[in-house]
All heavy atoms as atom14 arrays in JSON, in Angstrom:
{
  "sequence": "SPERAVSVSSAQAVLGALAESKHRMTAIDYRGGAL",
  "atom14_mask": [
    [1, 1, 1, 1, 1, 1, 0, 0, 0, 0, 0, 0, 0, 0],
    [1, 1, 1, 1, 1, 1, 1, 0, 0, 0, 0, 0, 0, 0],
    [1, 1, 1, 1, 1, 1, 1, 1, 1, 0, 0, 0, 0, 0],
    [1, 1, 1, 1, 1, 1, 1, 1, 1, 1, 1, 0, 0, 0],
    [1, 1, 1, 1, 1, 0, 0, 0, 0, 0, 0, 0, 0, 0],
    [1, 1, 1, 1, 1, 1, 1, 0, 0, 0, 0, 0, 0, 0],
    [1, 1, 1, 1, 1, 1, 0, 0, 0, 0, 0, 0, 0, 0],
    [1, 1, 1, 1, 1, 1, 1, 0, 0, 0, 0, 0, 0, 0],
    [1, 1, 1, 1, 1, 1, 0, 0, 0, 0, 0, 0, 0, 0],
    [1, 1, 1, 1, 1, 1, 0, 0, 0, 0, 0, 0, 0, 0],
    [1, 1, 1, 1, 1, 0, 0, 0, 0, 0, 0, 0, 0, 0],
    [1, 1, 1, 1, 1, 1, 1, 1, 1, 0, 0, 0, 0, 0],
    [1, 1, 1, 1, 1, 0, 0, 0, 0, 0, 0, 0, 0, 0],
    [1, 1, 1, 1, 1, 1, 1, 0, 0, 0, 0, 0, 0, 0],
    [1, 1, 1, 1, 1, 1, 1, 1, 0, 0, 0, 0, 0, 0],
    [1, 1, 1, 1, 0, 0, 0, 0, 0, 0, 0, 0, 0, 0],
    [1, 1, 1, 1, 1, 0, 0, 0, 0, 0, 0, 0, 0, 0],
    [1, 1, 1, 1, 1, 1, 1, 1, 0, 0, 0, 0, 0, 0],
    [1, 1, 1, 1, 1, 0, 0, 0, 0, 0, 0, 0, 0, 0],
    [1, 1, 1, 1, 1, 1, 1, 1, 1, 0, 0, 0, 0, 0],
    [1, 1, 1, 1, 1, 1, 0, 0, 0, 0, 0, 0, 0, 0],
    [1, 1, 1, 1, 1, 1, 1, 1, 1, 0, 0, 0, 0, 0],
    [1, 1, 1, 1, 1, 1, 1, 1, 1, 1, 0, 0, 0, 0],
    [1, 1, 1, 1, 1, 1, 1, 1, 1, 1, 1, 0, 0, 0],
    [1, 1, 1, 1, 1, 1, 1, 1, 0, 0, 0, 0, 0, 0],
    [1, 1, 1, 1, 1, 1, 1, 0, 0, 0, 0, 0, 0, 0],
    [1, 1, 1, 1, 1, 0, 0, 0, 0, 0, 0, 0, 0, 0],
    [1, 1, 1, 1, 1, 1, 1, 1, 0, 0, 0, 0, 0, 0],
    [1, 1, 1, 1, 1, 1, 1, 1, 0, 0, 0, 0, 0, 0],
    [1, 1, 1, 1, 1, 1, 1, 1, 1, 1, 1, 1, 0, 0],
    [1, 1, 1, 1, 1, 1, 1, 1, 1, 1, 1, 0, 0, 0],
    [1, 1, 1, 1, 0, 0, 0, 0, 0, 0, 0, 0, 0, 0],
    [1, 1, 1, 1, 0, 0, 0, 0, 0, 0, 0, 0, 0, 0],
    [1, 1, 1, 1, 1, 0, 0, 0, 0, 0, 0, 0, 0, 0],
    [1, 1, 1, 1, 1, 1, 1, 1, 0, 0, 0, 0, 0, 0]
  ],
  "atom14_positions": [
    [[63.3, 256.31, -29.43], [62.36, 256.31, -28.3], [62.11, 254.88, -27.83], [62.48, 253.96, -28.42], [61.0, 257.0, -28.79], [60.12, 255.98, -29.33], [0.0, 0.0, 0.0], [0.0, 0.0, 0.0], [0.0, 0.0, 0.0], [0.0, 0.0, 0.0], [0.0, 0.0, 0.0], [0.0, 0.0, 0.0], [0.0, 0.0, 0.0], [0.0, 0.0, 0.0]],
    [[61.41, 254.93, -26.55], [61.06, 253.58, -26.05], [60.07, 252.82, -26.92], [59.74, 251.65, -26.57], [60.48, 253.8, -24.67], [60.98, 255.28, -24.37], [61.21, 256.0, -25.68], [0.0, 0.0, 0.0], [0.0, 0.0, 0.0], [0.0, 0.0, 0.0], [0.0, 0.0, 0.0], [0.0, 0.0, 0.0], [0.0, 0.0, 0.0], [0.0, 0.0, 0.0]],
    [[59.49, 253.42, -27.84], [58.61, 252.75, -28.76], [59.23, 252.16, -29.98], [58.55, 251.89, -31.06], [57.42, 253.74, -29.18], [56.64, 254.32, -27.91], [55.74, 255.32, -28.37], [54.72, 255.07, -29.03], [55.93, 256.62, -27.84], [0.0, 0.0, 0.0], [0.0, 0.0, 0.0], [0.0, 0.0, 0.0], [0.0, 0.0, 0.0], [0.0, 0.0, 0.0]],
    [[60.41, 251.96, -29.96], [61.15, 251.36, -31.1], [60.67, 250.07, -31.59], [60.49, 249.91, -32.82], [62.65, 251.21, -30.72], [63.5, 250.7, -31.95], [65.05, 250.55, -31.65], [65.67, 249.83, -32.65], [66.09, 250.33, -33.9], [65.85, 251.73, -34.01], [66.71, 249.63, -34.69], [0.0, 0.0, 0.0], [0.0, 0.0, 0.0], [0.0, 0.0, 0.0]],
    [[60.3, 249.18, -30.7], [59.78, 247.89, -31.08], [58.52, 247.97, -31.86], [58.2, 247.28, -32.83], [59.66, 247.04, -29.89], [0.0, 0.0, 0.0], [0.0, 0.0, 0.0], [0.0, 0.0, 0.0], [0.0, 0.0, 0.0], [0.0, 0.0, 0.0], [0.0, 0.0, 0.0], [0.0, 0.0, 0.0], [0.0, 0.0, 0.0], [0.0, 0.0, 0.0]],
    [[57.72, 248.88, -31.52], [56.42, 249.22, -32.13], [56.58, 249.81, -33.53], [56.02, 249.34, -34.49], [55.43, 250.23, -31.27], [54.17, 250.41, -32.02], [55.23, 249.61, -29.83], [0.0, 0.0, 0.0], [0.0, 0.0, 0.0], [0.0, 0.0, 0.0], [0.0, 0.0, 0.0], [0.0, 0.0, 0.0], [0.0, 0.0, 0.0], [0.0, 0.0, 0.0]],
    [[57.71, 250.62, -33.58], [57.98, 251.17, -34.92], [58.39, 250.07, -35.99], [57.98, 250.1, -37.02], [59.07, 252.21, -34.8], [59.7, 252.61, -36.02], [0.0, 0.0, 0.0], [0.0, 0.0, 0.0], [0.0, 0.0, 0.0], [0.0, 0.0, 0.0], [0.0, 0.0, 0.0], [0.0, 0.0, 0.0], [0.0, 0.0, 0.0], [0.0, 0.0, 0.0]],
    [[59.21, 249.09, -35.46], [59.68, 248.09, -36.34], [58.4, 247.18, -36.84], [58.29, 246.92, -37.95], [60.65, 247.2, -35.48], [60.93, 245.86, -36.36], [61.96, 247.91, -35.21], [0.0, 0.0, 0.0], [0.0, 0.0, 0.0], [0.0, 0.0, 0.0], [0.0, 0.0, 0.0], [0.0, 0.0, 0.0], [0.0, 0.0, 0.0], [0.0, 0.0, 0.0]],
    [[57.54, 247.0, -35.84], [56.34, 246.15, -36.25], [55.51, 246.92, -37.26], [55.05, 246.38, -38.2], [55.51, 245.86, -35.01], [56.15, 245.04, -34.17], [0.0, 0.0, 0.0], [0.0, 0.0, 0.0], [0.0, 0.0, 0.0], [0.0, 0.0, 0.0], [0.0, 0.0, 0.0], [0.0, 0.0, 0.0], [0.0, 0.0, 0.0], [0.0, 0.0, 0.0]],
    [[55.35, 248.24, -37.15], [54.49, 249.04, -38.03], [55.34, 249.18, -39.41], [54.47, 248.91, -40.36], [54.52, 250.44, -37.52], [53.73, 250.74, -36.38], [0.0, 0.0, 0.0], [0.0, 0.0, 0.0], [0.0, 0.0, 0.0], [0.0, 0.0, 0.0], [0.0, 0.0, 0.0], [0.0, 0.0, 0.0], [0.0, 0.0, 0.0], [0.0, 0.0, 0.0]],
    [[56.51, 249.14, -39.39], [57.26, 249.13, -40.64], [57.02, 247.9, -41.46], [56.87, 247.92, -42.58], [58.67, 249.61, -40.46], [0.0, 0.0, 0.0], [0.0, 0.0, 0.0], [0.0, 0.0, 0.0], [0.0, 0.0, 0.0], [0.0, 0.0, 0.0], [0.0, 0.0, 0.0], [0.0, 0.0, 0.0], [0.0, 0.0, 0.0], [0.0, 0.0, 0.0]],
    [[57.16, 246.72, -40.65], [57.06, 245.43, -41.38], [55.63, 245.37, -42.0], [55.53, 244.82, -43.16], [57.18, 244.3, -40.34], [58.57, 244.22, -39.81], [58.79, 243.13, -38.68], [57.83, 242.94, -37.88], [60.04, 242.73, -38.37], [0.0, 0.0, 0.0], [0.0, 0.0, 0.0], [0.0, 0.0, 0.0], [0.0, 0.0, 0.0], [0.0, 0.0, 0.0]],
    [[54.65, 245.8, -41.27], [53.23, 245.77, -41.82], [53.04, 246.62, -43.01], [52.49, 246.19, -44.17], [52.21, 246.15, -40.79], [0.0, 0.0, 0.0], [0.0, 0.0, 0.0], [0.0, 0.0, 0.0], [0.0, 0.0, 0.0], [0.0, 0.0, 0.0], [0.0, 0.0, 0.0], [0.0, 0.0, 0.0], [0.0, 0.0, 0.0], [0.0, 0.0, 0.0]],
    [[53.64, 247.82, -42.91], [53.59, 248.79, -44.1], [54.27, 248.4, -45.4], [53.84, 248.34, -46.45], [54.14, 250.16, -43.72], [54.11, 251.08, -44.81], [53.12, 250.84, -42.64], [0.0, 0.0, 0.0], [0.0, 0.0, 0.0], [0.0, 0.0, 0.0], [0.0, 0.0, 0.0], [0.0, 0.0, 0.0], [0.0, 0.0, 0.0], [0.0, 0.0, 0.0]],
    [[55.48, 247.79, -44.98], [56.32, 247.3, -46.17], [55.6, 246.22, -46.9], [55.65, 246.25, -48.1], [57.72, 247.04, -45.7], [58.64, 248.08, -45.34], [59.81, 247.56, -44.53], [59.08, 248.81, -46.55], [0.0, 0.0, 0.0], [0.0, 0.0, 0.0], [0.0, 0.0, 0.0], [0.0, 0.0, 0.0], [0.0, 0.0, 0.0], [0.0, 0.0, 0.0]],
    [[55.07, 245.38, -46.1], [54.44, 244.22, -46.75], [53.18, 244.68, -47.54], [52.91, 244.18, -48.67], [0.0, 0.0, 0.0], [0.0, 0.0, 0.0], [0.0, 0.0, 0.0], [0.0, 0.0, 0.0], [0.0, 0.0, 0.0], [0.0, 0.0, 0.0], [0.0, 0.0, 0.0], [0.0, 0.0, 0.0], [0.0, 0.0, 0.0], [0.0, 0.0, 0.0]],
    [[52.37, 245.48, -47.03], [51.23, 246.08, -47.71], [51.57, 246.71, -48.95], [50.95, 246.47, -49.98], [50.41, 246.9, -46.85], [0.0, 0.0, 0.0], [0.0, 0.0, 0.0], [0.0, 0.0, 0.0], [0.0, 0.0, 0.0], [0.0, 0.0, 0.0], [0.0, 0.0, 0.0], [0.0, 0.0, 0.0], [0.0, 0.0, 0.0], [0.0, 0.0, 0.0]],
    [[52.53, 247.66, -49.0], [52.77, 248.44, -50.1], [53.55, 247.64, -51.15], [53.5, 247.95, -52.48], [53.52, 249.6, -49.72], [52.77, 250.65, -48.97], [53.71, 251.84, -48.4], [51.62, 251.28, -49.69], [0.0, 0.0, 0.0], [0.0, 0.0, 0.0], [0.0, 0.0, 0.0], [0.0, 0.0, 0.0], [0.0, 0.0, 0.0], [0.0, 0.0, 0.0]],
    [[54.47, 246.63, -50.84], [55.1, 245.81, -51.66], [54.07, 245.0, -52.56], [54.35, 244.84, -53.72], [56.04, 244.96, -51.04], [0.0, 0.0, 0.0], [0.0, 0.0, 0.0], [0.0, 0.0, 0.0], [0.0, 0.0, 0.0], [0.0, 0.0, 0.0], [0.0, 0.0, 0.0], [0.0, 0.0, 0.0], [0.0, 0.0, 0.0], [0.0, 0.0, 0.0]],
    [[53.0, 244.52, -51.97], [52.04, 243.91, -52.68], [51.43, 244.63, -53.79], [50.87, 244.06, -54.76], [50.92, 243.3, -51.66], [51.42, 242.25, -50.76], [50.28, 241.97, -49.82], [49.18, 242.35, -49.83], [50.39, 240.95, -48.85], [0.0, 0.0, 0.0], [0.0, 0.0, 0.0], [0.0, 0.0, 0.0], [0.0, 0.0, 0.0], [0.0, 0.0, 0.0]],
    [[51.46, 245.93, -53.61], [50.78, 246.69, -54.67], [51.77, 247.29, -55.74], [51.55, 248.19, -56.43], [50.16, 247.92, -54.03], [48.97, 247.63, -53.21], [0.0, 0.0, 0.0], [0.0, 0.0, 0.0], [0.0, 0.0, 0.0], [0.0, 0.0, 0.0], [0.0, 0.0, 0.0], [0.0, 0.0, 0.0], [0.0, 0.0, 0.0], [0.0, 0.0, 0.0]],
    [[52.99, 246.65, -55.59], [54.04, 246.83, -56.61], [54.69, 248.11, -56.53], [55.42, 248.69, -57.45], [53.51, 246.61, -58.07], [52.79, 245.38, -58.36], [53.55, 244.16, -57.99], [52.79, 242.9, -58.31], [53.47, 241.63, -57.83], [0.0, 0.0, 0.0], [0.0, 0.0, 0.0], [0.0, 0.0, 0.0], [0.0, 0.0, 0.0], [0.0, 0.0, 0.0]],
    [[54.58, 248.75, -55.46], [55.28, 250.02, -55.14], [56.82, 249.68, -54.94], [57.14, 248.63, -54.41], [54.79, 250.85, -53.98], [53.39, 251.4, -54.21], [53.06, 252.35, -55.08], [52.19, 251.11, -53.57], [51.73, 252.65, -55.08], [51.24, 251.72, -54.12], [0.0, 0.0, 0.0], [0.0, 0.0, 0.0], [0.0, 0.0, 0.0], [0.0, 0.0, 0.0]],
    [[57.67, 250.64, -55.27], [59.11, 250.52, -55.15], [59.49, 250.85, -53.76], [59.36, 252.06, -53.4], [60.04, 251.17, -56.26], [59.64, 250.58, -57.52], [60.28, 251.5, -58.63], [59.73, 252.66, -58.8], [58.58, 252.88, -59.51], [57.95, 251.94, -60.12], [58.2, 254.19, -59.59], [0.0, 0.0, 0.0], [0.0, 0.0, 0.0], [0.0, 0.0, 0.0]],
    [[59.96, 249.96, -52.89], [60.21, 250.32, -51.51], [61.6, 250.36, -51.11], [62.57, 249.58, -51.46], [59.5, 249.12, -50.58], [58.15, 248.82, -51.01], [56.92, 250.17, -50.75], [57.07, 250.45, -49.11], [0.0, 0.0, 0.0], [0.0, 0.0, 0.0], [0.0, 0.0, 0.0], [0.0, 0.0, 0.0], [0.0, 0.0, 0.0], [0.0, 0.0, 0.0]],
    [[62.01, 251.35, -50.27], [63.33, 251.37, -49.6], [63.05, 251.61, -48.14], [62.13, 252.43, -47.71], [64.16, 252.56, -50.08], [64.34, 252.48, -51.59], [65.51, 252.65, -49.52], [0.0, 0.0, 0.0], [0.0, 0.0, 0.0], [0.0, 0.0, 0.0], [0.0, 0.0, 0.0], [0.0, 0.0, 0.0], [0.0, 0.0, 0.0], [0.0, 0.0, 0.0]],
    [[63.83, 250.88, -47.24], [63.56, 250.94, -45.81], [64.95, 251.37, -45.18], [65.89, 250.74, -45.5], [63.11, 249.7, -45.23], [0.0, 0.0, 0.0], [0.0, 0.0, 0.0], [0.0, 0.0, 0.0], [0.0, 0.0, 0.0], [0.0, 0.0, 0.0], [0.0, 0.0, 0.0], [0.0, 0.0, 0.0], [0.0, 0.0, 0.0], [0.0, 0.0, 0.0]],
    [[64.9, 252.29, -44.2], [66.06, 252.8, -43.59], [65.8, 252.69, -41.99], [64.68, 253.39, -41.68], [66.4, 254.15, -44.01], [67.02, 254.13, -45.41], [67.6, 254.64, -43.14], [67.46, 255.48, -45.86], [0.0, 0.0, 0.0], [0.0, 0.0, 0.0], [0.0, 0.0, 0.0], [0.0, 0.0, 0.0], [0.0, 0.0, 0.0], [0.0, 0.0, 0.0]],
    [[66.65, 252.17, -41.31], [66.48, 252.08, -39.83], [67.2, 253.33, -39.32], [68.29, 253.55, -39.25], [67.26, 250.83, -39.3], [67.08, 250.71, -37.81], [66.54, 251.68, -37.06], [67.51, 249.62, -37.19], [0.0, 0.0, 0.0], [0.0, 0.0, 0.0], [0.0, 0.0, 0.0], [0.0, 0.0, 0.0], [0.0, 0.0, 0.0], [0.0, 0.0, 0.0]],
    [[66.29, 254.38, -38.99], [66.75, 255.69, -38.55], [66.99, 255.59, -36.95], [65.99, 255.19, -36.33], [65.73, 256.79, -38.88], [66.14, 258.13, -38.36], [67.22, 258.75, -38.63], [65.33, 258.59, -37.36], [67.5, 260.05, -38.22], [65.62, 259.94, -36.73], [66.63, 260.66, -37.17], [66.85, 261.77, -36.61], [0.0, 0.0, 0.0], [0.0, 0.0, 0.0]],
    [[68.15, 255.83, -36.46], [68.38, 255.71, -35.11], [68.55, 257.0, -34.39], [69.06, 257.16, -33.27], [69.54, 254.82, -34.75], [69.41, 253.5, -35.26], [70.6, 252.64, -35.11], [70.29, 251.19, -35.51], [69.9, 250.24, -34.69], [69.7, 250.71, -33.32], [69.67, 249.06, -35.08], [0.0, 0.0, 0.0], [0.0, 0.0, 0.0], [0.0, 0.0, 0.0]],
    [[67.99, 258.03, -34.92], [68.09, 259.36, -34.25], [69.29, 260.31, -34.85], [70.14, 259.76, -35.3], [0.0, 0.0, 0.0], [0.0, 0.0, 0.0], [0.0, 0.0, 0.0], [0.0, 0.0, 0.0], [0.0, 0.0, 0.0], [0.0, 0.0, 0.0], [0.0, 0.0, 0.0], [0.0, 0.0, 0.0], [0.0, 0.0, 0.0], [0.0, 0.0, 0.0]],
    [[69.22, 261.61, -34.4], [70.39, 262.39, -34.73], [70.25, 263.01, -36.04], [69.33, 262.98, -36.87], [0.0, 0.0, 0.0], [0.0, 0.0, 0.0], [0.0, 0.0, 0.0], [0.0, 0.0, 0.0], [0.0, 0.0, 0.0], [0.0, 0.0, 0.0], [0.0, 0.0, 0.0], [0.0, 0.0, 0.0], [0.0, 0.0, 0.0], [0.0, 0.0, 0.0]],
    [[71.46, 263.43, -36.56], [71.49, 264.11, -37.97], [71.23, 263.2, -39.07], [71.31, 261.88, -38.81], [73.02, 264.71, -38.09], [0.0, 0.0, 0.0], [0.0, 0.0, 0.0], [0.0, 0.0, 0.0], [0.0, 0.0, 0.0], [0.0, 0.0, 0.0], [0.0, 0.0, 0.0], [0.0, 0.0, 0.0], [0.0, 0.0, 0.0], [0.0, 0.0, 0.0]],
    [[70.66, 263.71, -40.03], [70.28, 262.81, -41.27], [71.58, 262.74, -42.16], [72.03, 263.8, -42.71], [69.15, 263.65, -42.04], [67.91, 263.95, -41.12], [66.84, 264.43, -41.96], [67.41, 262.71, -40.5], [0.0, 0.0, 0.0], [0.0, 0.0, 0.0], [0.0, 0.0, 0.0], [0.0, 0.0, 0.0], [0.0, 0.0, 0.0], [0.0, 0.0, 0.0]]
  ]
}
């Protein structure tokens, strides 16, 4: 969507916050379409 840049910023913030709490994190850049 046109909000892709906002999504990237949200993900950076979430990954940073959860990583500090020692959760095991995996991030995937989903670009639409089939999984």
